[in-house]
Amino acid sequence: MSDIKLNIHEAKTHLSRHLNEMSENDRIILCRRNLPVAEIRLLPVRRHQRRLGLAKGEFTVPGSFFDPLPDDLLNAFEGKR
């Protein structure tokens, strides 16, 4: 694991380049006036994509789902009383 120390100005200027050069165990230490204030690490890579249609046939959407909402519920969503 290696640490890359960057002052905030340098990070704003070159963050993309540093992120592209990072491996999974590296981290970037952000500093303000050479004092560490935050760290950046790469997120783990998601290995599995979700498959579509896994719940197919397990439920049906009733026709009333598409009916207009009652006025009191619409007012609640819009912040009206």
PDB file of N, CA and C in Angstrom:
ATOM      1  N   MET A   1       0.855  -1.178   0.000  1.00  0.00           N
ATOM      2  CA  MET A   1       0.000   0.000   0.000  1.00  0.00           C
ATOM      3  C   MET A   1       0.890   1.228   0.000  1.00  0.00           C
ATOM      4  N   SER A   2       0.585   2.140  -0.890  1.00  0.00           N
ATOM      5  CA  SER A   2       1.359   3.377  -0.902  1.00  0.00           C
ATOM      6  C   SER A   2       0.420   4.559  -0.729  1.00  0.00           C
ATOM      7  N   ASP A   3       0.936   5.576  -0.081  1.00  0.00           N
ATOM      8  CA  ASP A   3       0.175   6.800   0.132  1.00  0.00           C
ATOM      9  C   ASP A   3       0.683   7.875  -0.809  1.00  0.00           C
ATOM     10  N   ILE A   4      -0.249   8.615  -1.377  1.00  0.00           N
ATOM     11  CA  ILE A   4       0.080   9.763  -2.205  1.00  0.00           C
ATOM     12  C   ILE A   4      -0.443  10.977  -1.452  1.00  0.00           C
ATOM     13  N   LYS A   5       0.444  11.853  -1.036  1.00  0.00           N
ATOM     14  CA  LYS A   5       0.022  13.053  -0.319  1.00  0.00           C
ATOM     15  C   LYS A   5      -0.115  14.211  -1.302  1.00  0.00           C
ATOM     16  N   LEU A   6      -1.296  14.815  -1.291  1.00  0.00           N
ATOM     17  CA  LEU A   6      -1.565  15.939  -2.182  1.00  0.00           C
ATOM     18  C   LEU A   6      -2.165  17.082  -1.395  1.00  0.00           C
ATOM     19  N   ASN A   7      -1.683  18.280  -1.651  1.00  0.00           N
ATOM     20  CA  ASN A   7      -2.377  19.442  -1.131  1.00  0.00           C
ATOM     21  C   ASN A   7      -3.630  19.642  -1.977  1.00  0.00           C
ATOM     22  N   ILE A   8      -4.610  20.299  -1.417  1.00  0.00           N
ATOM     23  CA  ILE A   8      -5.917  20.406  -2.066  1.00  0.00           C
ATOM     24  C   ILE A   8      -5.810  21.053  -3.443  1.00  0.00           C
ATOM     25  N   HIS A   9      -5.004  22.074  -3.586  1.00  0.00           N
ATOM     26  CA  HIS A   9      -4.855  22.728  -4.895  1.00  0.00           C
ATOM     27  C   HIS A   9      -4.333  21.733  -5.942  1.00  0.00           C
ATOM     28  N   GLU A  10      -3.336  20.949  -5.582  1.00  0.00           N
ATOM     29  CA  GLU A  10      -2.792  19.966  -6.524  1.00  0.00           C
ATOM     30  C   GLU A  10      -3.825  18.888  -6.838  1.00  0.00           C
ATOM     31  N   ALA A  11      -4.589  18.484  -5.834  1.00  0.00           N
ATOM     32  CA  ALA A  11      -5.623  17.472  -6.057  1.00  0.00           C
ATOM     33  C   ALA A  11      -6.688  17.992  -7.021  1.00  0.00           C
ATOM     34  N   LYS A  12      -7.080  19.246  -6.872  1.00  0.00           N
ATOM     35  CA  LYS A  12      -8.077  19.816  -7.780  1.00  0.00           C
ATOM     36  C   LYS A  12      -7.557  19.859  -9.210  1.00  0.00           C
ATOM     37  N   THR A  13      -6.269  20.049  -9.352  1.00  0.00           N
ATOM     38  CA  THR A  13      -5.677  20.164 -10.677  1.00  0.00           C
ATOM     39  C   THR A  13      -5.405  18.809 -11.318  1.00  0.00           C
ATOM     40  N   HIS A  14      -4.966  17.821 -10.540  1.00  0.00           N
ATOM     41  CA  HIS A  14      -4.482  16.558 -11.104  1.00  0.00           C
ATOM     42  C   HIS A  14      -5.175  15.313 -10.551  1.00  0.00           C
ATOM     43  N   LEU A  15      -6.358  15.448  -9.972  1.00  0.00           N
ATOM     44  CA  LEU A  15      -7.005  14.301  -9.333  1.00  0.00           C
ATOM     45  C   LEU A  15      -7.269  13.165 -10.318  1.00  0.00           C
ATOM     46  N   SER A  16      -7.737  13.453 -11.491  1.00  0.00           N
ATOM     47  CA  SER A  16      -8.033  12.396 -12.473  1.00  0.00           C
ATOM     48  C   SER A  16      -6.794  11.566 -12.784  1.00  0.00           C
ATOM     49  N   ARG A  17      -5.685  12.230 -12.973  1.00  0.00           N
ATOM     50  CA  ARG A  17      -4.438  11.514 -13.287  1.00  0.00           C
ATOM     51  C   ARG A  17      -4.039  10.606 -12.135  1.00  0.00           C
ATOM     52  N   HIS A  18      -4.122  11.107 -10.913  1.00  0.00           N
ATOM     53  CA  HIS A  18      -3.744  10.305  -9.756  1.00  0.00           C
ATOM     54  C   HIS A  18      -4.692   9.115  -9.565  1.00  0.00           C
ATOM     55  N   LEU A  19      -5.974   9.325  -9.792  1.00  0.00           N
ATOM     56  CA  LEU A  19      -6.933   8.220  -9.669  1.00  0.00           C
ATOM     57  C   LEU A  19      -6.653   7.132 -10.699  1.00  0.00           C
ATOM     58  N   ASN A  20      -6.295   7.517 -11.905  1.00  0.00           N
ATOM     59  CA  ASN A  20      -5.991   6.535 -12.946  1.00  0.00           C
ATOM     60  C   ASN A  20      -4.747   5.720 -12.624  1.00  0.00           C
ATOM     61  N   GLU A  21      -3.822   6.287 -11.874  1.00  0.00           N
ATOM     62  CA  GLU A  21      -2.580   5.604 -11.546  1.00  0.00           C
ATOM     63  C   GLU A  21      -2.671   4.756 -10.280  1.00  0.00           C
ATOM     64  N   MET A  22      -3.781   4.855  -9.546  1.00  0.00           N
ATOM     65  CA  MET A  22      -3.909   4.141  -8.269  1.00  0.00           C
ATOM     66  C   MET A  22      -4.199   2.659  -8.475  1.00  0.00           C
ATOM     67  N   SER A  23      -3.683   1.832  -7.562  1.00  0.00           N
ATOM     68  CA  SER A  23      -4.075   0.429  -7.503  1.00  0.00           C
ATOM     69  C   SER A  23      -5.046   0.281  -6.324  1.00  0.00           C
ATOM     70  N   GLU A  24      -5.584  -0.909  -6.145  1.00  0.00           N
ATOM     71  CA  GLU A  24      -6.636  -1.081  -5.136  1.00  0.00           C
ATOM     72  C   GLU A  24      -6.155  -0.870  -3.704  1.00  0.00           C
ATOM     73  N   ASN A  25      -4.864  -0.969  -3.444  1.00  0.00           N
ATOM     74  CA  ASN A  25      -4.361  -0.793  -2.083  1.00  0.00           C
ATOM     75  C   ASN A  25      -3.797   0.595  -1.816  1.00  0.00           C
ATOM     76  N   ASP A  26      -3.785   1.454  -2.821  1.00  0.00           N
ATOM     77  CA  ASP A  26      -3.248   2.799  -2.654  1.00  0.00           C
ATOM     78  C   ASP A  26      -4.309   3.715  -2.052  1.00  0.00           C
ATOM     79  N   ARG A  27      -3.838   4.824  -1.514  1.00  0.00           N
ATOM     80  CA  ARG A  27      -4.764   5.852  -1.052  1.00  0.00           C
ATOM     81  C   ARG A  27      -4.137   7.213  -1.259  1.00  0.00           C
ATOM     82  N   ILE A  28      -4.998   8.192  -1.438  1.00  0.00           N
ATOM     83  CA  ILE A  28      -4.563   9.575  -1.577  1.00  0.00           C
ATOM     84  C   ILE A  28      -4.892  10.282  -0.269  1.00  0.00           C
ATOM     85  N   ILE A  29      -3.908  10.922   0.320  1.00  0.00           N
ATOM     86  CA  ILE A  29      -4.104  11.699   1.530  1.00  0.00           C
ATOM     87  C   ILE A  29      -4.204  13.162   1.111  1.00  0.00           C
ATOM     88  N   LEU A  30      -5.357  13.767   1.336  1.00  0.00           N
ATOM     89  CA  LEU A  30      -5.542  15.184   1.013  1.00  0.00           C
ATOM     90  C   LEU A  30      -5.075  16.022   2.194  1.00  0.00           C
ATOM     91  N   CYS A  31      -4.301  17.029   1.891  1.00  0.00           N
ATOM     92  CA  CYS A  31      -3.736  17.876   2.940  1.00  0.00           C
ATOM     93  C   CYS A  31      -4.121  19.330   2.716  1.00  0.00           C
ATOM     94  N   ARG A  32      -4.286  20.020   3.826  1.00  0.00           N
ATOM     95  CA  ARG A  32      -4.479  21.468   3.798  1.00  0.00           C
ATOM     96  C   ARG A  32      -3.279  22.056   4.535  1.00  0.00           C
ATOM     97  N   ARG A  33      -2.459  22.773   3.809  1.00  0.00           N
ATOM     98  CA  ARG A  33      -1.208  23.314   4.355  1.00  0.00           C
ATOM     99  C   ARG A  33      -0.351  22.204   4.958  1.00  0.00           C
ATOM    100  N   ASN A  34      -0.240  21.102   4.208  1.00  0.00           N
ATOM    101  CA  ASN A  34       0.569  19.924   4.561  1.00  0.00           C
ATOM    102  C   ASN A  34       0.064  19.165   5.781  1.00  0.00           C
ATOM    103  N   LEU A  35      -1.149  19.446   6.250  1.00  0.00           N
ATOM    104  CA  LEU A  35      -1.743  18.682   7.346  1.00  0.00           C
ATOM    105  C   LEU A  35      -2.862  17.815   6.782  1.00  0.00           C
ATOM    106  N   PRO A  36      -2.821  16.495   7.008  1.00  0.00           N
ATOM    107  CA  PRO A  36      -3.839  15.598   6.454  1.00  0.00           C
ATOM    108  C   PRO A  36      -5.245  15.954   6.949  1.00  0.00           C
ATOM    109  N   VAL A  37      -6.193  15.988   6.012  1.00  0.00           N
ATOM    110  CA  VAL A  37      -7.581  16.284   6.362  1.00  0.00           C
ATOM    111  C   VAL A  37      -8.553  15.221   5.846  1.00  0.00           C
ATOM    112  N   ALA A  38      -8.153  14.444   4.843  1.00  0.00           N
ATOM    113  CA  ALA A  38      -9.061  13.428   4.293  1.00  0.00           C
ATOM    114  C   ALA A  38      -8.244  12.413   3.508  1.00  0.00           C
ATOM    115  N   GLU A  39      -8.873  11.285   3.236  1.00  0.00           N
ATOM    116  CA  GLU A  39      -8.217  10.295   2.384  1.00  0.00           C
ATOM    117  C   GLU A  39      -9.190   9.776   1.344  1.00  0.00           C
ATOM    118  N   ILE A  40      -8.648   9.374   0.215  1.00  0.00           N
ATOM    119  CA  ILE A  40      -9.429   8.845  -0.894  1.00  0.00           C
ATOM    120  C   ILE A  40      -8.903   7.448  -1.194  1.00  0.00           C
ATOM    121  N   ARG A  41      -9.830   6.493  -1.286  1.00  0.00           N
ATOM    122  CA  ARG A  41      -9.483   5.119  -1.662  1.00  0.00           C
ATOM    123  C   ARG A  41     -10.393   4.695  -2.801  1.00  0.00           C
ATOM    124  N   LEU A  42      -9.913   3.753  -3.603  1.00  0.00           N
ATOM    125  CA  LEU A  42     -10.746   3.208  -4.664  1.00  0.00           C
ATOM    126  C   LEU A  42     -11.806   2.303  -4.052  1.00  0.00           C
ATOM    127  N   LEU A  43     -12.988   2.309  -4.611  1.00  0.00           N
ATOM    128  CA  LEU A  43     -14.042   1.398  -4.175  1.00  0.00           C
ATOM    129  C   LEU A  43     -13.786   0.013  -4.746  1.00  0.00           C
ATOM    130  N   PRO A  44     -14.214  -1.022  -4.033  1.00  0.00           N
ATOM    131  CA  PRO A  44     -14.041  -2.363  -4.594  1.00  0.00           C
ATOM    132  C   PRO A  44     -14.862  -2.519  -5.871  1.00  0.00           C
ATOM    133  N   VAL A  45     -14.342  -3.291  -6.787  1.00  0.00           N
ATOM    134  CA  VAL A  45     -15.014  -3.511  -8.067  1.00  0.00           C
ATOM    135  C   VAL A  45     -16.180  -4.467  -7.849  1.00  0.00           C
ATOM    136  N   ARG A  46     -17.344  -4.097  -8.382  1.00  0.00           N
ATOM    137  CA  ARG A  46     -18.499  -4.999  -8.298  1.00  0.00           C
ATOM    138  C   ARG A  46     -18.299  -6.117  -9.292  1.00  0.00           C
ATOM    139  N   ARG A  47     -18.339  -7.319  -8.819  1.00  0.00           N
ATOM    140  CA  ARG A  47     -18.065  -8.475  -9.667  1.00  0.00           C
ATOM    141  C   ARG A  47     -19.317  -9.022 -10.346  1.00  0.00           C
ATOM    142  N   HIS A  48     -20.491  -8.764  -9.768  1.00  0.00           N
ATOM    143  CA  HIS A  48     -21.719  -9.357 -10.296  1.00  0.00           C
ATOM    144  C   HIS A  48     -22.682  -8.266 -10.734  1.00  0.00           C
ATOM    145  N   GLN A  49     -23.187  -8.414 -11.907  1.00  0.00           N
ATOM    146  CA  GLN A  49     -24.241  -7.543 -12.399  1.00  0.00           C
ATOM    147  C   GLN A  49     -25.583  -8.132 -11.962  1.00  0.00           C
ATOM    148  N   ARG A  50     -26.524  -7.287 -11.636  1.00  0.00           N
ATOM    149  CA  ARG A  50     -27.866  -7.773 -11.320  1.00  0.00           C
ATOM    150  C   ARG A  50     -28.549  -8.212 -12.603  1.00  0.00           C
ATOM    151  N   ARG A  51     -29.179  -9.365 -12.534  1.00  0.00           N
ATOM    152  CA  ARG A  51     -29.919  -9.844 -13.700  1.00  0.00           C
ATOM    153  C   ARG A  51     -31.333  -9.287 -13.663  1.00  0.00           C
ATOM    154  N   LEU A  52     -31.838  -8.870 -14.806  1.00  0.00           N
ATOM    155  CA  LEU A  52     -33.192  -8.346 -14.899  1.00  0.00           C
ATOM    156  C   LEU A  52     -34.185  -9.491 -14.948  1.00  0.00           C
ATOM    157  N   GLY A  53     -35.368  -9.252 -14.395  1.00  0.00           N
ATOM    158  CA  GLY A  53     -36.445 -10.223 -14.496  1.00  0.00           C
ATOM    159  C   GLY A  53     -36.422 -11.315 -13.456  1.00  0.00           C
ATOM    160  N   LEU A  54     -35.689 -11.157 -12.367  1.00  0.00           N
ATOM    161  CA  LEU A  54     -35.621 -12.215 -11.358  1.00  0.00           C
ATOM    162  C   LEU A  54     -36.961 -12.459 -10.666  1.00  0.00           C
ATOM    163  N   ALA A  55     -37.804 -11.443 -10.571  1.00  0.00           N
ATOM    164  CA  ALA A  55     -39.095 -11.589  -9.897  1.00  0.00           C
ATOM    165  C   ALA A  55     -40.240 -11.749 -10.892  1.00  0.00           C
ATOM    166  N   LYS A  56     -39.924 -12.066 -12.119  1.00  0.00           N
ATOM    167  CA  LYS A  56     -40.954 -12.181 -13.146  1.00  0.00           C
ATOM    168  C   LYS A  56     -41.987 -13.232 -12.738  1.00  0.00           C
ATOM    169  N   GLY A  57     -43.260 -12.825 -12.803  1.00  0.00           N
ATOM    170  CA  GLY A  57     -44.346 -13.739 -12.485  1.00  0.00           C
ATOM    171  C   GLY A  57     -44.666 -13.850 -11.005  1.00  0.00           C
ATOM    172  N   GLU A  58     -43.928 -13.192 -10.139  1.00  0.00           N
ATOM    173  CA  GLU A  58     -44.166 -13.285  -8.701  1.00  0.00           C
ATOM    174  C   GLU A  58     -45.237 -12.306  -8.229  1.00  0.00           C
ATOM    175  N   PHE A  59     -45.521 -11.263  -9.002  1.00  0.00           N
ATOM    176  CA  PHE A  59     -46.568 -10.326  -8.627  1.00  0.00           C
ATOM    177  C   PHE A  59     -47.115  -9.678  -9.889  1.00  0.00           C
ATOM    178  N   THR A  60     -48.280  -9.101  -9.752  1.00  0.00           N
ATOM    179  CA  THR A  60     -48.869  -8.352 -10.863  1.00  0.00           C
ATOM    180  C   THR A  60     -49.221  -6.958 -10.362  1.00  0.00           C
ATOM    181  N   VAL A  61     -49.163  -6.004 -11.241  1.00  0.00           N
ATOM    182  CA  VAL A  61     -49.519  -4.633 -10.908  1.00  0.00           C
ATOM    183  C   VAL A  61     -50.994  -4.454 -11.214  1.00  0.00           C
ATOM    184  N   PRO A  62     -51.797  -4.126 -10.183  1.00  0.00           N
ATOM    185  CA  PRO A  62     -53.234  -3.964 -10.435  1.00  0.00           C
ATOM    186  C   PRO A  62     -53.502  -2.727 -11.285  1.00  0.00           C
ATOM    187  N   GLY A  63     -54.606  -2.734 -11.992  1.00  0.00           N
ATOM    188  CA  GLY A  63     -54.971  -1.608 -12.839  1.00  0.00           C
ATOM    189  C   GLY A  63     -55.143  -0.317 -12.055  1.00  0.00           C
ATOM    190  N   SER A  64     -55.556  -0.429 -10.778  1.00  0.00           N
ATOM    191  CA  SER A  64     -55.763   0.768  -9.958  1.00  0.00           C
ATOM    192  C   SER A  64     -54.454   1.505  -9.670  1.00  0.00           C
ATOM    193  N   PHE A  65     -53.325   0.868  -9.921  1.00  0.00           N
ATOM    194  CA  PHE A  65     -52.026   1.504  -9.709  1.00  0.00           C
ATOM    195  C   PHE A  65     -51.900   2.782 -10.537  1.00  0.00           C
ATOM    196  N   PHE A  66     -52.537   2.802 -11.684  1.00  0.00           N
ATOM    197  CA  PHE A  66     -52.434   3.932 -12.603  1.00  0.00           C
ATOM    198  C   PHE A  66     -53.544   4.964 -12.409  1.00  0.00           C
ATOM    199  N   ASP A  67     -54.427   4.746 -11.456  1.00  0.00           N
ATOM    200  CA  ASP A  67     -55.484   5.718 -11.167  1.00  0.00           C
ATOM    201  C   ASP A  67     -54.868   6.972 -10.555  1.00  0.00           C
ATOM    202  N   PRO A  68     -55.514   8.131 -10.751  1.00  0.00           N
ATOM    203  CA  PRO A  68     -55.014   9.363 -10.126  1.00  0.00           C
ATOM    204  C   PRO A  68     -55.014   9.236  -8.602  1.00  0.00           C
ATOM    205  N   LEU A  69     -54.052   9.892  -7.972  1.00  0.00           N
ATOM    206  CA  LEU A  69     -53.978   9.876  -6.513  1.00  0.00           C
ATOM    207  C   LEU A  69     -55.052  10.781  -5.928  1.00  0.00           C
ATOM    208  N   PRO A  70     -55.522  10.466  -4.719  1.00  0.00           N
ATOM    209  CA  PRO A  70     -56.498  11.347  -4.067  1.00  0.00           C
ATOM    210  C   PRO A  70     -55.889  12.721  -3.790  1.00  0.00           C
ATOM    211  N   ASP A  71     -56.751  13.740  -3.733  1.00  0.00           N
ATOM    212  CA  ASP A  71     -56.282  15.118  -3.545  1.00  0.00           C
ATOM    213  C   ASP A  71     -55.486  15.289  -2.257  1.00  0.00           C
ATOM    214  N   ASP A  72     -55.918  14.638  -1.157  1.00  0.00           N
ATOM    215  CA  ASP A  72     -55.193  14.826   0.107  1.00  0.00           C
ATOM    216  C   ASP A  72     -53.761  14.267   0.019  1.00  0.00           C
ATOM    217  N   LEU A  73     -53.576  13.186  -0.718  1.00  0.00           N
ATOM    218  CA  LEU A  73     -52.243  12.618  -0.875  1.00  0.00           C
ATOM    219  C   LEU A  73     -51.383  13.492  -1.796  1.00  0.00           C
ATOM    220  N   LEU A  74     -51.982  13.998  -2.870  1.00  0.00           N
ATOM    221  CA  LEU A  74     -51.259  14.923  -3.746  1.00  0.00           C
ATOM    222  C   LEU A  74     -50.831  16.180  -2.999  1.00  0.00           C
ATOM    223  N   ASN A  75     -51.723  16.704  -2.168  1.00  0.00           N
ATOM    224  CA  ASN A  75     -51.399  17.891  -1.381  1.00  0.00           C
ATOM    225  C   ASN A  75     -50.252  17.615  -0.415  1.00  0.00           C
ATOM    226  N   ALA A  76     -50.219  16.416   0.174  1.00  0.00           N
ATOM    227  CA  ALA A  76     -49.147  16.062   1.102  1.00  0.00           C
ATOM    228  C   ALA A  76     -47.799  16.027   0.365  1.00  0.00           C
ATOM    229  N   PHE A  77     -47.776  15.495  -0.843  1.00  0.00           N
ATOM    230  CA  PHE A  77     -46.529  15.452  -1.626  1.00  0.00           C
ATOM    231  C   PHE A  77     -46.063  16.864  -1.988  1.00  0.00           C
ATOM    232  N   GLU A  78     -47.001  17.754  -2.217  1.00  0.00           N
ATOM    233  CA  GLU A  78     -46.657  19.109  -2.629  1.00  0.00           C
ATOM    234  C   GLU A  78     -46.472  20.055  -1.451  1.00  0.00           C
ATOM    235  N   GLY A  79     -46.594  19.546  -0.225  1.00  0.00           N
ATOM    236  CA  GLY A  79     -46.394  20.367   0.955  1.00  0.00           C
ATOM    237  C   GLY A  79     -47.568  21.258   1.297  1.00  0.00           C
ATOM    238  N   LYS A  80     -48.717  20.970   0.703  1.00  0.00           N
ATOM    239  CA  LYS A  80     -49.916  21.749   1.007  1.00  0.00           C
ATOM    240  C   LYS A  80     -50.656  21.073   2.140  1.00  0.00           C
ATOM    241  N   ARG A  81     -51.491  21.833   2.815  1.00  0.00           N
ATOM    242  CA  ARG A  81     -52.256  21.263   3.932  1.00  0.00           C
ATOM    243  C   ARG A  81     -53.661  20.993   3.558  1.00  0.00           C
TER     244      ARG A  81
END
